Amino acid sequence: MAILLTRETKAIVQGITGRVGSIQTRWMVEYGTNIVAGVTPGRKGEVVYGVPVFDDVKETVELFGANASVIFAPPFAAKDAVFEAIDAGIKLVVVVPEHIPVADTMEMREMAKNRGAYMLGPTTPGVITPGVGKLGIMPGNMFKPGRIGVISRSGTLSYEVSGYLNEAGFGESTVVGIGADPVTGMDMSEILELFEKDEDTEAVVIVGEIGGTREEEASEFIRKMSKPVIAYIAGRLAPPGKRMGHAGAIIQGESGSFRSKIEKLEGAGVKIAFKLYEVPHILKKLL
């Protein structure tokens, strides 16, 4: 069954005629993703790698029953693109662009939650259900079908941990990039809840990092989970007050520190991996 991206997903690409949007559309289609249409205002009638282009999202919902969108619009236009998608009835929105103003993201997040839609990002590599499809920029060859759910704040670390899972014979049910900005559309706990209900997921791996309180907040939900959770937190040696890579990866005070996250997660029963390659070894002991 997987989560978020399933065989029932009919996706569109907003910003499909741009340089990044067009090439990523090609790779999503080649992977087998059910991309039914693209949207770029004023470009109706064009075709991008076999995908028809329309002027607005509403047309694609009416014609194809589109229910998901991946957005490659420029940062200044991302908010309008998200609003248009949700207004048209889209229930999964994947926001790939970086450098979207935090105030815009807060409005996007509020609208998604008020309308019952799922929003990943901004600054997300997207979501992939191996063997089914991918929405975003994740390289498909890094993932294999399996029964481990992955939630990550980092694109590259999600590829790396999936590589270790694959080598050990586990594979992934769905890999979800929540985004690397200080504010994102979905929280870890919301995705954990989806994995907890998913019959095809046996365990969940969290790839977190310093900064913010997502992992600490997620620990409260993990206490109620029946499935084992393993966590790796990046940035163990980062000095407080210095941003490390992602916009959301900065420690201010004790909250958001490596120690704070580890204490909260361990208190909730999470098994901690201090190196990514330890993850499959821990899983073998738990499953």
C-alpha atoms as a PDB file:
ATOM      1  CA  MET A   1       0.000   0.000   0.000  1.00  0.00           C
ATOM      2  CA  ALA A   2       2.771   2.472   0.975  1.00  0.00           C
ATOM      3  CA  ILE A   3       1.997   6.026   2.044  1.00  0.00           C
ATOM      4  CA  LEU A   4       1.402   9.355   0.280  1.00  0.00           C
ATOM      5  CA  LEU A   5       2.455   8.113  -3.179  1.00  0.00           C
ATOM      6  CA  THR A   6       0.562   4.959  -4.135  1.00  0.00           C
ATOM      7  CA  ARG A   7      -0.680   3.227  -7.288  1.00  0.00           C
ATOM      8  CA  GLU A   8      -3.754   5.481  -7.089  1.00  0.00           C
ATOM      9  CA  THR A   9      -1.652   8.632  -7.441  1.00  0.00           C
ATOM     10  CA  LYS A  10      -2.288  10.726 -10.558  1.00  0.00           C
ATOM     11  CA  ALA A  11       0.258  13.510 -10.518  1.00  0.00           C
ATOM     12  CA  ILE A  12       0.831  16.773 -12.299  1.00  0.00           C
ATOM     13  CA  VAL A  13       3.959  18.914 -12.563  1.00  0.00           C
ATOM     14  CA  GLN A  14       3.559  22.641 -11.930  1.00  0.00           C
ATOM     15  CA  GLY A  15       6.372  24.493 -13.694  1.00  0.00           C
ATOM     16  CA  ILE A  16       6.836  21.651 -16.179  1.00  0.00           C
ATOM     17  CA  THR A  17       8.236  23.823 -18.979  1.00  0.00           C
ATOM     18  CA  GLY A  18      11.126  25.209 -16.915  1.00  0.00           C
ATOM     19  CA  ARG A  19      14.643  23.798 -17.201  1.00  0.00           C
ATOM     20  CA  VAL A  20      14.490  21.812 -13.959  1.00  0.00           C
ATOM     21  CA  GLY A  21      10.813  20.944 -14.201  1.00  0.00           C
ATOM     22  CA  SER A  22      11.125  19.485 -17.696  1.00  0.00           C
ATOM     23  CA  ILE A  23      14.154  17.263 -17.064  1.00  0.00           C
ATOM     24  CA  GLN A  24      12.788  16.045 -13.729  1.00  0.00           C
ATOM     25  CA  THR A  25       9.515  15.229 -15.483  1.00  0.00           C
ATOM     26  CA  ARG A  26      11.436  13.046 -17.912  1.00  0.00           C
ATOM     27  CA  TRP A  27      13.101  11.153 -15.046  1.00  0.00           C
ATOM     28  CA  MET A  28       9.832  10.766 -13.114  1.00  0.00           C
ATOM     29  CA  VAL A  29       8.094   9.384 -16.207  1.00  0.00           C
ATOM     30  CA  GLU A  30      11.006   7.045 -16.970  1.00  0.00           C
ATOM     31  CA  TYR A  31      10.783   5.730 -13.405  1.00  0.00           C
ATOM     32  CA  GLY A  32       7.149   4.815 -14.018  1.00  0.00           C
ATOM     33  CA  THR A  33       5.411   7.617 -12.119  1.00  0.00           C
ATOM     34  CA  ASN A  34       1.854   8.259 -13.257  1.00  0.00           C
ATOM     35  CA  ILE A  35       2.347  11.860 -14.434  1.00  0.00           C
ATOM     36  CA  VAL A  36      -0.921  12.766 -16.164  1.00  0.00           C
ATOM     37  CA  ALA A  37      -0.279  16.424 -17.058  1.00  0.00           C
ATOM     38  CA  GLY A  38       1.817  19.514 -16.561  1.00  0.00           C
ATOM     39  CA  VAL A  39       0.859  23.108 -15.811  1.00  0.00           C
ATOM     40  CA  THR A  40       2.463  26.338 -16.965  1.00  0.00           C
ATOM     41  CA  PRO A  41       0.218  29.378 -17.473  1.00  0.00           C
ATOM     42  CA  GLY A  42       0.085  30.397 -21.155  1.00  0.00           C
ATOM     43  CA  ARG A  43       1.715  27.182 -22.443  1.00  0.00           C
ATOM     44  CA  LYS A  44      -1.391  25.030 -22.989  1.00  0.00           C
ATOM     45  CA  GLY A  45      -1.019  22.696 -25.944  1.00  0.00           C
ATOM     46  CA  GLU A  46       2.683  21.992 -25.543  1.00  0.00           C
ATOM     47  CA  VAL A  47       3.982  18.531 -24.696  1.00  0.00           C
ATOM     48  CA  VAL A  48       6.971  17.814 -22.412  1.00  0.00           C
ATOM     49  CA  TYR A  49       8.416  14.286 -22.694  1.00  0.00           C
ATOM     50  CA  GLY A  50       5.004  12.986 -23.661  1.00  0.00           C
ATOM     51  CA  VAL A  51       3.153  14.894 -20.919  1.00  0.00           C
ATOM     52  CA  PRO A  52       0.476  17.372 -22.095  1.00  0.00           C
ATOM     53  CA  VAL A  53       0.675  20.925 -20.730  1.00  0.00           C
ATOM     54  CA  PHE A  54      -2.290  22.965 -19.500  1.00  0.00           C
ATOM     55  CA  ASP A  55      -2.804  26.520 -18.289  1.00  0.00           C
ATOM     56  CA  ASP A  56      -4.150  25.771 -14.809  1.00  0.00           C
ATOM     57  CA  VAL A  57      -4.458  22.972 -12.271  1.00  0.00           C
ATOM     58  CA  LYS A  58      -8.252  22.909 -12.294  1.00  0.00           C
ATOM     59  CA  GLU A  59      -8.254  21.649 -15.898  1.00  0.00           C
ATOM     60  CA  THR A  60      -6.030  18.707 -14.985  1.00  0.00           C
ATOM     61  CA  VAL A  61      -8.243  17.710 -12.071  1.00  0.00           C
ATOM     62  CA  GLU A  62     -11.359  17.833 -14.249  1.00  0.00           C
ATOM     63  CA  LEU A  63      -9.803  15.987 -17.202  1.00  0.00           C
ATOM     64  CA  PHE A  64      -7.569  13.412 -15.501  1.00  0.00           C
ATOM     65  CA  GLY A  65      -8.633  13.251 -11.872  1.00  0.00           C
ATOM     66  CA  ALA A  66      -5.215  14.546 -10.779  1.00  0.00           C
ATOM     67  CA  ASN A  67      -4.741  14.176  -7.017  1.00  0.00           C
ATOM     68  CA  ALA A  68      -1.060  15.076  -6.487  1.00  0.00           C
ATOM     69  CA  SER A  69       1.274  17.831  -7.651  1.00  0.00           C
ATOM     70  CA  VAL A  70       5.009  18.352  -7.633  1.00  0.00           C
ATOM     71  CA  ILE A  71       6.016  21.997  -7.861  1.00  0.00           C
ATOM     72  CA  PHE A  72       9.080  23.346  -9.683  1.00  0.00           C
ATOM     73  CA  ALA A  73       7.875  26.963  -9.865  1.00  0.00           C
ATOM     74  CA  PRO A  74      10.348  29.757  -8.923  1.00  0.00           C
ATOM     75  CA  PRO A  75      10.409  30.629  -5.198  1.00  0.00           C
ATOM     76  CA  PHE A  76       8.444  33.860  -5.673  1.00  0.00           C
ATOM     77  CA  ALA A  77       5.650  31.937  -7.426  1.00  0.00           C
ATOM     78  CA  ALA A  78       5.578  28.848  -5.206  1.00  0.00           C
ATOM     79  CA  LYS A  79       2.902  30.123  -2.815  1.00  0.00           C
ATOM     80  CA  ASP A  80       0.469  30.866  -5.627  1.00  0.00           C
ATOM     81  CA  ALA A  81       1.190  27.454  -7.152  1.00  0.00           C
ATOM     82  CA  VAL A  82       0.432  25.679  -3.866  1.00  0.00           C
ATOM     83  CA  PHE A  83      -2.738  27.713  -3.339  1.00  0.00           C
ATOM     84  CA  GLU A  84      -3.911  26.897  -6.878  1.00  0.00           C
ATOM     85  CA  ALA A  85      -3.269  23.185  -6.418  1.00  0.00           C
ATOM     86  CA  ILE A  86      -5.096  22.941  -3.104  1.00  0.00           C
ATOM     87  CA  ASP A  87      -7.958  25.127  -4.361  1.00  0.00           C
ATOM     88  CA  ALA A  88      -8.395  22.690  -7.262  1.00  0.00           C
ATOM     89  CA  GLY A  89      -8.694  19.756  -4.862  1.00  0.00           C
ATOM     90  CA  ILE A  90      -5.151  18.320  -4.970  1.00  0.00           C
ATOM     91  CA  LYS A  91      -4.422  16.330  -1.773  1.00  0.00           C
ATOM     92  CA  LEU A  92      -0.635  15.875  -1.988  1.00  0.00           C
ATOM     93  CA  VAL A  93       1.639  18.802  -2.837  1.00  0.00           C
ATOM     94  CA  VAL A  94       5.415  18.357  -3.079  1.00  0.00           C
ATOM     95  CA  VAL A  95       7.253  21.693  -2.957  1.00  0.00           C
ATOM     96  CA  VAL A  96      10.791  21.252  -4.274  1.00  0.00           C
ATOM     97  CA  PRO A  97      12.114  24.858  -4.617  1.00  0.00           C
ATOM     98  CA  GLU A  98      14.510  26.423  -2.104  1.00  0.00           C
ATOM     99  CA  HIS A  99      14.595  29.999  -0.796  1.00  0.00           C
ATOM    100  CA  ILE A 100      10.841  30.390  -0.322  1.00  0.00           C
ATOM    101  CA  PRO A 101      10.159  33.080   2.324  1.00  0.00           C
ATOM    102  CA  VAL A 102       9.215  31.603   5.693  1.00  0.00           C
ATOM    103  CA  ALA A 103       6.093  33.786   5.821  1.00  0.00           C
ATOM    104  CA  ASP A 104       4.931  32.247   2.522  1.00  0.00           C
ATOM    105  CA  THR A 105       5.584  28.753   3.826  1.00  0.00           C
ATOM    106  CA  MET A 106       3.539  29.444   6.948  1.00  0.00           C
ATOM    107  CA  GLU A 107       0.575  30.488   4.785  1.00  0.00           C
ATOM    108  CA  MET A 108       1.019  27.427   2.538  1.00  0.00           C
ATOM    109  CA  ARG A 109       1.181  25.113   5.563  1.00  0.00           C
ATOM    110  CA  GLU A 110      -1.931  26.642   7.137  1.00  0.00           C
ATOM    111  CA  MET A 111      -3.919  26.322   3.923  1.00  0.00           C
ATOM    112  CA  ALA A 112      -2.867  22.701   3.422  1.00  0.00           C
ATOM    113  CA  LYS A 113      -3.893  21.759   6.956  1.00  0.00           C
ATOM    114  CA  ASN A 114      -7.203  23.638   6.732  1.00  0.00           C
ATOM    115  CA  ARG A 115      -8.069  21.844   3.485  1.00  0.00           C
ATOM    116  CA  GLY A 116      -6.958  18.375   4.566  1.00  0.00           C
ATOM    117  CA  ALA A 117      -4.042  18.245   2.110  1.00  0.00           C
ATOM    118  CA  TYR A 118      -0.533  16.887   2.672  1.00  0.00           C
ATOM    119  CA  MET A 119       2.341  19.229   1.838  1.00  0.00           C
ATOM    120  CA  LEU A 120       6.028  18.213   1.740  1.00  0.00           C
ATOM    121  CA  GLY A 121       8.731  20.863   1.653  1.00  0.00           C
ATOM    122  CA  PRO A 122       9.822  23.437   0.777  1.00  0.00           C
ATOM    123  CA  THR A 123      13.386  22.338   0.020  1.00  0.00           C
ATOM    124  CA  THR A 124      12.392  18.701  -0.214  1.00  0.00           C
ATOM    125  CA  PRO A 125      13.837  16.048  -2.523  1.00  0.00           C
ATOM    126  CA  GLY A 126      10.293  14.699  -2.609  1.00  0.00           C
ATOM    127  CA  VAL A 127       8.771  11.309  -1.955  1.00  0.00           C
ATOM    128  CA  ILE A 128       9.414   7.926  -3.538  1.00  0.00           C
ATOM    129  CA  THR A 129       7.624   4.621  -3.273  1.00  0.00           C
ATOM    130  CA  PRO A 130      10.136   2.248  -4.861  1.00  0.00           C
ATOM    131  CA  GLY A 131       8.674   0.326  -7.761  1.00  0.00           C
ATOM    132  CA  VAL A 132       5.619   2.616  -7.902  1.00  0.00           C
ATOM    133  CA  GLY A 133       6.759   6.160  -8.584  1.00  0.00           C
ATOM    134  CA  LYS A 134       8.539   9.266  -7.394  1.00  0.00           C
ATOM    135  CA  LEU A 135       7.575  12.910  -7.044  1.00  0.00           C
ATOM    136  CA  GLY A 136      10.601  15.177  -6.828  1.00  0.00           C
ATOM    137  CA  ILE A 137      14.284  14.853  -7.518  1.00  0.00           C
ATOM    138  CA  MET A 138      15.260  11.617  -5.744  1.00  0.00           C
ATOM    139  CA  PRO A 139      17.411   9.364  -7.962  1.00  0.00           C
ATOM    140  CA  GLY A 140      15.307   6.249  -8.498  1.00  0.00           C
ATOM    141  CA  ASN A 141      18.259   3.861  -8.698  1.00  0.00           C
ATOM    142  CA  MET A 142      19.128   4.503  -5.029  1.00  0.00           C
ATOM    143  CA  PHE A 143      15.963   2.807  -3.733  1.00  0.00           C
ATOM    144  CA  LYS A 144      14.439  -0.677  -3.787  1.00  0.00           C
ATOM    145  CA  PRO A 145      10.989  -1.974  -2.813  1.00  0.00           C
ATOM    146  CA  GLY A 146      10.839  -3.208   0.760  1.00  0.00           C
ATOM    147  CA  ARG A 147       9.174  -2.825   4.147  1.00  0.00           C
ATOM    148  CA  ILE A 148      11.107  -0.032   5.898  1.00  0.00           C
ATOM    149  CA  GLY A 149       9.671   3.481   5.972  1.00  0.00           C
ATOM    150  CA  VAL A 150      12.164   6.353   5.892  1.00  0.00           C
ATOM    151  CA  ILE A 151      11.596   9.949   7.019  1.00  0.00           C
ATOM    152  CA  SER A 152      14.433  12.345   6.313  1.00  0.00           C
ATOM    153  CA  ARG A 153      15.325  16.019   6.629  1.00  0.00           C
ATOM    154  CA  SER A 154      18.205  15.517   4.175  1.00  0.00           C
ATOM    155  CA  GLY A 155      18.022  14.339   0.588  1.00  0.00           C
ATOM    156  CA  THR A 156      21.532  12.950   0.354  1.00  0.00           C
ATOM    157  CA  LEU A 157      21.344  11.189   3.719  1.00  0.00           C
ATOM    158  CA  SER A 158      18.071   9.553   2.677  1.00  0.00           C
ATOM    159  CA  TYR A 159      19.867   8.143  -0.373  1.00  0.00           C
ATOM    160  CA  GLU A 160      22.755   6.939   1.768  1.00  0.00           C
ATOM    161  CA  VAL A 161      20.679   5.207   4.433  1.00  0.00           C
ATOM    162  CA  SER A 162      18.538   3.573   1.731  1.00  0.00           C
ATOM    163  CA  GLY A 163      21.724   2.223   0.174  1.00  0.00           C
ATOM    164  CA  TYR A 164      22.641   0.562   3.459  1.00  0.00           C
ATOM    165  CA  LEU A 165      19.093  -0.807   3.819  1.00  0.00           C
ATOM    166  CA  ASN A 166      19.221  -2.240   0.312  1.00  0.00           C
ATOM    167  CA  GLU A 167      22.621  -3.882   0.844  1.00  0.00           C
ATOM    168  CA  ALA A 168      21.209  -5.597   3.923  1.00  0.00           C
ATOM    169  CA  GLY A 169      18.165  -6.828   1.978  1.00  0.00           C
ATOM    170  CA  PHE A 170      15.501  -4.625   3.579  1.00  0.00           C
ATOM    171  CA  GLY A 171      14.387  -2.105   0.930  1.00  0.00           C
ATOM    172  CA  GLU A 172      11.949   0.750   1.534  1.00  0.00           C
ATOM    173  CA  SER A 173       8.142   0.991   1.563  1.00  0.00           C
ATOM    174  CA  THR A 174       8.167   4.776   1.085  1.00  0.00           C
ATOM    175  CA  VAL A 175      10.913   7.378   1.561  1.00  0.00           C
ATOM    176  CA  VAL A 176       9.652  10.821   2.574  1.00  0.00           C
ATOM    177  CA  GLY A 177      11.704  14.021   2.490  1.00  0.00           C
ATOM    178  CA  ILE A 178       9.961  16.477   4.795  1.00  0.00           C
ATOM    179  CA  GLY A 179      12.125  19.429   3.728  1.00  0.00           C
ATOM    180  CA  ALA A 180      15.121  21.210   5.193  1.00  0.00           C
ATOM    181  CA  ASP A 181      13.689  24.662   5.965  1.00  0.00           C
ATOM    182  CA  PRO A 182      12.826  25.873   9.489  1.00  0.00           C
ATOM    183  CA  VAL A 183       9.101  25.597   8.632  1.00  0.00           C
ATOM    184  CA  THR A 184       7.746  22.724   6.533  1.00  0.00           C
ATOM    185  CA  GLY A 185       4.349  21.505   5.451  1.00  0.00           C
ATOM    186  CA  MET A 186       4.262  18.262   7.450  1.00  0.00           C
ATOM    187  CA  ASP A 187       5.704  17.273  10.803  1.00  0.00           C
ATOM    188  CA  MET A 188       7.509  13.997  11.486  1.00  0.00           C
ATOM    189  CA  SER A 189       4.721  12.843  13.772  1.00  0.00           C
ATOM    190  CA  GLU A 190       2.155  13.143  10.960  1.00  0.00           C
ATOM    191  CA  ILE A 191       4.270  10.944   8.695  1.00  0.00           C
ATOM    192  CA  LEU A 192       4.954   8.488  11.505  1.00  0.00           C
ATOM    193  CA  GLU A 193       1.199   8.148  11.965  1.00  0.00           C
ATOM    194  CA  LEU A 194       0.823   7.229   8.265  1.00  0.00           C
ATOM    195  CA  PHE A 195       3.599   4.624   8.526  1.00  0.00           C
ATOM    196  CA  GLU A 196       2.062   3.200  11.701  1.00  0.00           C
ATOM    197  CA  LYS A 197      -1.166   2.537   9.770  1.00  0.00           C
ATOM    198  CA  ASP A 198       0.580   1.202   6.658  1.00  0.00           C
ATOM    199  CA  GLU A 199       0.410  -2.594   6.377  1.00  0.00           C
ATOM    200  CA  ASP A 200       3.483  -2.653   4.112  1.00  0.00           C
ATOM    201  CA  THR A 201       5.766  -0.936   6.638  1.00  0.00           C
ATOM    202  CA  GLU A 202       7.413  -3.026   9.363  1.00  0.00           C
ATOM    203  CA  ALA A 203       9.691  -0.387  10.897  1.00  0.00           C
ATOM    204  CA  VAL A 204      10.574   3.287  10.448  1.00  0.00           C
ATOM    205  CA  VAL A 205      13.940   5.004  10.158  1.00  0.00           C
ATOM    206  CA  ILE A 206      14.211   8.705  11.026  1.00  0.00           C
ATOM    207  CA  VAL A 207      17.129  10.620   9.528  1.00  0.00           C
ATOM    208  CA  GLY A 208      17.085  13.841  11.504  1.00  0.00           C
ATOM    209  CA  GLU A 209      19.537  16.635  12.131  1.00  0.00           C
ATOM    210  CA  ILE A 210      20.300  19.322  14.677  1.00  0.00           C
ATOM    211  CA  GLY A 211      18.073  22.390  14.843  1.00  0.00           C
ATOM    212  CA  GLY A 212      14.347  22.784  15.317  1.00  0.00           C
ATOM    213  CA  THR A 213      12.242  20.521  17.508  1.00  0.00           C
ATOM    214  CA  ARG A 214      10.754  18.076  15.012  1.00  0.00           C
ATOM    215  CA  GLU A 215      12.459  15.011  16.448  1.00  0.00           C
ATOM    216  CA  GLU A 216      11.602  15.983  20.034  1.00  0.00           C
ATOM    217  CA  GLU A 217       7.946  16.521  19.078  1.00  0.00           C
ATOM    218  CA  ALA A 218       7.872  13.232  17.151  1.00  0.00           C
ATOM    219  CA  SER A 219       9.020  11.351  20.249  1.00  0.00           C
ATOM    220  CA  GLU A 220       5.620  11.951  21.852  1.00  0.00           C
ATOM    221  CA  PHE A 221       3.868  10.078  19.034  1.00  0.00           C
ATOM    222  CA  ILE A 222       6.513   7.345  18.920  1.00  0.00           C
ATOM    223  CA  ARG A 223       5.588   6.375  22.492  1.00  0.00           C
ATOM    224  CA  LYS A 224       2.220   5.216  21.099  1.00  0.00           C
ATOM    225  CA  MET A 225       3.596   3.309  18.099  1.00  0.00           C
ATOM    226  CA  SER A 226       3.593  -0.461  17.784  1.00  0.00           C
ATOM    227  CA  LYS A 227       6.339  -0.503  15.142  1.00  0.00           C
ATOM    228  CA  PRO A 228      10.035  -0.094  15.972  1.00  0.00           C
ATOM    229  CA  VAL A 229      11.700   3.232  15.186  1.00  0.00           C
ATOM    230  CA  ILE A 230      15.419   3.803  14.604  1.00  0.00           C
ATOM    231  CA  ALA A 231      16.889   7.306  14.436  1.00  0.00           C
ATOM    232  CA  TYR A 232      20.099   8.881  13.193  1.00  0.00           C
ATOM    233  CA  ILE A 233      20.722  12.570  13.978  1.00  0.00           C
ATOM    234  CA  ALA A 234      23.234  14.436  11.821  1.00  0.00           C
ATOM    235  CA  GLY A 235      25.365  17.291  13.197  1.00  0.00           C
ATOM    236  CA  ARG A 236      26.625  15.736  16.433  1.00  0.00           C
ATOM    237  CA  LEU A 237      29.768  17.914  16.516  1.00  0.00           C
ATOM    238  CA  ALA A 238      28.285  21.147  15.146  1.00  0.00           C
ATOM    239  CA  PRO A 239      28.937  24.214  17.348  1.00  0.00           C
ATOM    240  CA  PRO A 240      25.850  26.027  18.768  1.00  0.00           C
ATOM    241  CA  GLY A 241      24.751  29.132  16.832  1.00  0.00           C
ATOM    242  CA  LYS A 242      26.364  28.051  13.564  1.00  0.00           C
ATOM    243  CA  ARG A 243      24.140  26.954  10.703  1.00  0.00           C
ATOM    244  CA  MET A 244      25.236  23.643   9.232  1.00  0.00           C
ATOM    245  CA  GLY A 245      24.083  23.129   5.644  1.00  0.00           C
ATOM    246  CA  HIS A 246      20.313  23.351   5.803  1.00  0.00           C
ATOM    247  CA  ALA A 247      18.446  26.493   6.822  1.00  0.00           C
ATOM    248  CA  GLY A 248      16.731  24.561   9.608  1.00  0.00           C
ATOM    249  CA  ALA A 249      19.946  23.053  10.972  1.00  0.00           C
ATOM    250  CA  ILE A 250      20.951  25.612  13.570  1.00  0.00           C
ATOM    251  CA  ILE A 251      21.047  25.260  17.367  1.00  0.00           C
ATOM    252  CA  GLN A 252      19.918  28.178  19.491  1.00  0.00           C
ATOM    253  CA  GLY A 253      20.064  27.372  23.190  1.00  0.00           C
ATOM    254  CA  GLU A 254      19.680  23.784  24.358  1.00  0.00           C
ATOM    255  CA  SER A 255      16.536  23.141  22.307  1.00  0.00           C
ATOM    256  CA  GLY A 256      17.342  21.510  19.006  1.00  0.00           C
ATOM    257  CA  SER A 257      20.731  20.214  20.108  1.00  0.00           C
ATOM    258  CA  PHE A 258      22.006  16.731  19.354  1.00  0.00           C
ATOM    259  CA  ARG A 259      21.829  15.803  23.042  1.00  0.00           C
ATOM    260  CA  SER A 260      18.274  17.086  23.425  1.00  0.00           C
ATOM    261  CA  LYS A 261      17.053  15.042  20.469  1.00  0.00           C
ATOM    262  CA  ILE A 262      18.821  11.867  21.531  1.00  0.00           C
ATOM    263  CA  GLU A 263      17.469  12.114  25.090  1.00  0.00           C
ATOM    264  CA  LYS A 264      13.884  12.621  23.912  1.00  0.00           C
ATOM    265  CA  LEU A 265      14.034   9.858  21.315  1.00  0.00           C
ATOM    266  CA  GLU A 266      15.692   7.328  23.608  1.00  0.00           C
ATOM    267  CA  GLY A 267      13.116   8.164  26.259  1.00  0.00           C
ATOM    268  CA  ALA A 268      10.422   7.194  23.761  1.00  0.00           C
ATOM    269  CA  GLY A 269      12.059   3.837  23.069  1.00  0.00           C
ATOM    270  CA  VAL A 270      13.804   4.754  19.832  1.00  0.00           C
ATOM    271  CA  LYS A 271      17.006   2.897  18.998  1.00  0.00           C
ATOM    272  CA  ILE A 272      19.795   5.331  18.075  1.00  0.00           C
ATOM    273  CA  ALA A 273      22.316   4.835  15.274  1.00  0.00           C
ATOM    274  CA  PHE A 274      25.405   7.010  15.653  1.00  0.00           C
ATOM    275  CA  LYS A 275      26.571   6.060  12.153  1.00  0.00           C
ATOM    276  CA  LEU A 276      24.250   5.513   9.210  1.00  0.00           C
ATOM    277  CA  TYR A 277      25.717   2.089   8.477  1.00  0.00           C
ATOM    278  CA  GLU A 278      24.559   0.961  11.928  1.00  0.00           C
ATOM    279  CA  VAL A 279      20.883   1.266  10.924  1.00  0.00           C
ATOM    280  CA  PRO A 280      20.469  -2.159   9.212  1.00  0.00           C
ATOM    281  CA  HIS A 281      22.395  -3.874  12.023  1.00  0.00           C
ATOM    282  CA  ILE A 282      19.923  -2.454  14.566  1.00  0.00           C
ATOM    283  CA  LEU A 283      16.984  -3.440  12.371  1.00  0.00           C
ATOM    284  CA  LYS A 284      18.189  -7.044  12.195  1.00  0.00           C
ATOM    285  CA  LYS A 285      18.016  -7.212  15.970  1.00  0.00           C
ATOM    286  CA  LEU A 286      14.530  -5.692  16.106  1.00  0.00           C
ATOM    287  CA  LEU A 287      12.734  -7.574  13.294  1.00  0.00           C
END
